[in-house]
């Protein structure tokens, strides 16, 4: 017949309690790390600010032949911080690469936003592309980023954090 825990020496009981505490702590720590990884990847902005995770996202988009939105967003970020004497050249490049209807990597902008951009070619400033960039960001956040989270490329991004 089983006599229960009372029949064990007290040193065994203390050791078992210590092990339980340590295992509980390890499980809690593991859970925290997993949830932090998940939180990091639930936020597109955080992913875009992490170079390695950004590369994983770019690789995913390239595999789907849809990297133009990310490349446009990155070009707008570069434009925003460029010196004013280079803005004309950079904006021209952005227009020809992403905005014009026959652009090689045309992004999906509504007609109103596209026309507004075409109208400001003479009065450029650091936030010329802000509205278009925000629209593309929202498109990535609602469309391509959720698909990325369900893809195998997600593991590359998790390793980056």
Protein backbone atom coordinates (compact mmCIF):
# COMPACT_ATOMS: atom_id res chain seq x y z
CA UNK A 1 0.00 0.00 0.00
CA UNK A 2 1.15 3.50 -0.73
CA UNK A 3 1.85 5.48 2.40
CA UNK A 4 1.88 8.83 0.57
CA UNK A 5 4.30 11.73 0.83
CA UNK A 6 4.55 11.49 4.60
CA UNK A 7 6.63 8.34 4.29
CA UNK A 8 9.35 10.15 2.27
CA UNK A 9 12.32 11.65 4.08
CA UNK A 10 12.03 15.41 4.60
CA UNK A 11 15.13 16.02 2.47
CA UNK A 12 13.33 14.47 -0.52
CA UNK A 13 10.27 16.65 0.07
CA UNK A 14 12.40 19.79 0.28
CA UNK A 15 14.25 18.81 -2.89
CA UNK A 16 10.96 18.22 -4.69
CA UNK A 17 9.69 21.67 -3.59
CA UNK A 18 12.92 23.28 -4.84
CA UNK A 19 12.59 21.54 -8.19
CA UNK A 20 8.95 22.61 -8.49
CA UNK A 21 9.88 26.25 -7.84
CA UNK A 22 12.73 26.12 -10.38
CA UNK A 23 10.59 24.45 -13.03
CA UNK A 24 7.81 26.94 -12.44
CA UNK A 25 10.28 29.80 -12.86
CA UNK A 26 11.70 28.29 -16.07
CA UNK A 27 8.24 27.79 -17.51
CA UNK A 28 7.29 31.38 -16.66
CA UNK A 29 10.48 32.75 -18.23
CA UNK A 30 9.95 30.68 -21.37
CA UNK A 31 6.36 31.89 -21.63
CA UNK A 32 7.48 35.54 -21.26
CA UNK A 33 10.03 35.16 -24.07
CA UNK A 34 7.50 33.50 -26.35
CA UNK A 35 4.93 36.20 -25.71
CA UNK A 36 7.53 38.94 -26.27
CA UNK A 37 8.43 37.38 -29.63
CA UNK A 38 4.77 37.25 -30.54
CA UNK A 39 4.18 40.85 -29.46
CA UNK A 40 7.17 42.04 -31.46
CA UNK A 41 5.84 40.38 -34.56
CA UNK A 42 2.31 41.61 -34.01
CA UNK A 43 3.55 45.15 -34.59
CA UNK A 44 4.53 46.08 -38.14
CA UNK A 45 6.26 49.26 -37.01
CA UNK A 46 8.58 47.35 -34.68
CA UNK A 47 9.37 44.88 -37.45
CA UNK A 48 10.16 47.72 -39.86
CA UNK A 49 12.63 49.17 -37.35
CA UNK A 50 14.54 45.90 -36.94
CA UNK A 51 17.01 45.35 -39.79
CA UNK A 52 17.04 41.54 -39.67
CA UNK A 53 13.27 41.24 -39.29
CA UNK A 54 12.83 43.74 -42.12
CA UNK A 55 14.99 41.54 -44.35
CA UNK A 56 12.84 38.52 -43.50
CA UNK A 57 9.68 40.50 -44.33
CA UNK A 58 11.25 41.71 -47.58
CA UNK A 59 12.17 38.12 -48.48
CA UNK A 60 8.59 37.05 -47.86
CA UNK A 61 7.22 39.85 -50.04
CA UNK A 62 9.72 39.01 -52.79
CA UNK A 63 8.55 35.38 -52.70
CA UNK A 64 5.01 36.65 -53.32
CA UNK A 65 6.13 39.13 -56.01
CA UNK A 66 4.73 42.00 -53.93
CA UNK A 67 7.75 43.85 -52.55
CA UNK A 68 6.84 47.16 -54.22
CA UNK A 69 4.87 48.41 -51.20
CA UNK A 70 7.76 47.86 -48.81
CA UNK A 71 10.27 49.34 -51.23
CA UNK A 72 8.06 52.41 -51.68
CA UNK A 73 7.72 52.79 -47.91
CA UNK A 74 11.51 52.53 -47.49
CA UNK A 75 12.12 55.02 -50.32
CA UNK A 76 9.76 57.48 -48.58
CA UNK A 77 11.66 57.02 -45.31
CA UNK A 78 14.93 57.74 -47.11
CA UNK A 79 13.36 60.76 -48.85
CA UNK A 80 12.10 62.17 -45.55
CA UNK A 81 15.60 62.35 -44.05
CA UNK A 82 17.41 63.42 -47.20
CA UNK A 83 18.85 66.94 -47.46
CA UNK A 84 16.60 69.39 -49.29
CA UNK A 85 19.08 69.72 -52.19
CA UNK A 86 18.57 66.00 -52.96
CA UNK A 87 14.80 65.92 -52.56
CA UNK A 88 14.06 66.87 -56.16
CA UNK A 89 16.15 63.96 -57.48
CA UNK A 90 14.78 61.49 -54.93
CA UNK A 91 11.17 62.54 -55.50
CA UNK A 92 11.62 62.17 -59.25
CA UNK A 93 12.96 58.67 -58.67
CA UNK A 94 10.01 57.79 -56.39
CA UNK A 95 7.52 59.12 -58.96
CA UNK A 96 9.03 57.18 -61.84
CA UNK A 97 9.56 53.98 -59.83
CA UNK A 98 6.30 53.79 -57.82
CA UNK A 99 3.71 56.52 -58.57
CA UNK A 100 3.36 56.92 -62.33
CA UNK A 101 0.70 54.68 -63.87
CA UNK A 102 3.32 52.92 -66.00
CA UNK A 103 5.89 52.66 -63.18
CA UNK A 104 7.82 49.37 -62.99
CA UNK A 105 6.83 48.94 -59.33
CA UNK A 106 3.57 50.86 -59.25
CA UNK A 107 2.00 50.90 -55.80
CA UNK A 108 -1.72 50.63 -55.22
CA UNK A 109 -2.76 54.20 -54.39
CA UNK A 110 -6.23 55.63 -54.77
CA UNK A 111 -6.69 58.19 -57.57
CA UNK A 112 -7.08 61.12 -55.15
CA UNK A 113 -3.75 60.46 -53.41
CA UNK A 114 -1.98 59.84 -56.72
CA UNK A 115 -3.32 63.09 -58.21
CA UNK A 116 -2.36 65.04 -55.09
CA UNK A 117 1.21 63.76 -55.42
CA UNK A 118 1.34 64.68 -59.10
CA UNK A 119 0.28 68.21 -58.17
CA UNK A 120 3.09 68.91 -55.70
CA UNK A 121 6.10 68.19 -57.89
CA UNK A 122 7.13 71.85 -57.75
CA UNK A 123 6.70 72.41 -54.00
CA UNK A 124 8.59 69.56 -52.39
CA UNK A 125 9.17 69.22 -48.65
CA UNK A 126 10.16 66.46 -46.22
CA UNK A 127 6.56 65.27 -45.80
CA UNK A 128 5.54 65.32 -49.48
CA UNK A 129 4.92 61.57 -49.49
CA UNK A 130 3.50 61.24 -45.96
CA UNK A 131 -0.11 60.54 -46.94
CA UNK A 132 0.81 58.06 -49.67
CA UNK A 133 3.32 56.38 -47.37
CA UNK A 134 0.71 56.05 -44.63
CA UNK A 135 -1.78 54.51 -47.06
CA UNK A 136 0.79 51.94 -48.17
CA UNK A 137 1.74 51.25 -44.55
CA UNK A 138 -1.94 50.60 -43.74
CA UNK A 139 -2.21 48.33 -46.78
CA UNK A 140 0.82 46.30 -45.64
CA UNK A 141 -0.50 46.16 -42.06
CA UNK A 142 -3.89 44.83 -43.17
CA UNK A 143 -2.83 42.60 -46.04
CA UNK A 144 0.76 41.42 -46.46
CA UNK A 145 1.87 41.57 -42.81
CA UNK A 146 -0.83 39.14 -41.54
CA UNK A 147 0.12 36.74 -44.36
CA UNK A 148 3.75 37.09 -43.31
CA UNK A 149 2.83 36.14 -39.74
CA UNK A 150 1.33 32.91 -41.04
CA UNK A 151 4.36 32.14 -43.25
CA UNK A 152 7.60 30.27 -42.69
CA UNK A 153 9.50 33.56 -43.08
CA UNK A 154 8.15 34.56 -39.66
CA UNK A 155 10.73 32.35 -37.94
CA UNK A 156 13.57 34.39 -39.48
CA UNK A 157 12.04 37.52 -38.01
CA UNK A 158 11.60 35.90 -34.58
CA UNK A 159 15.30 35.04 -34.54
CA UNK A 160 16.06 38.70 -35.22
CA UNK A 161 14.46 39.89 -31.97
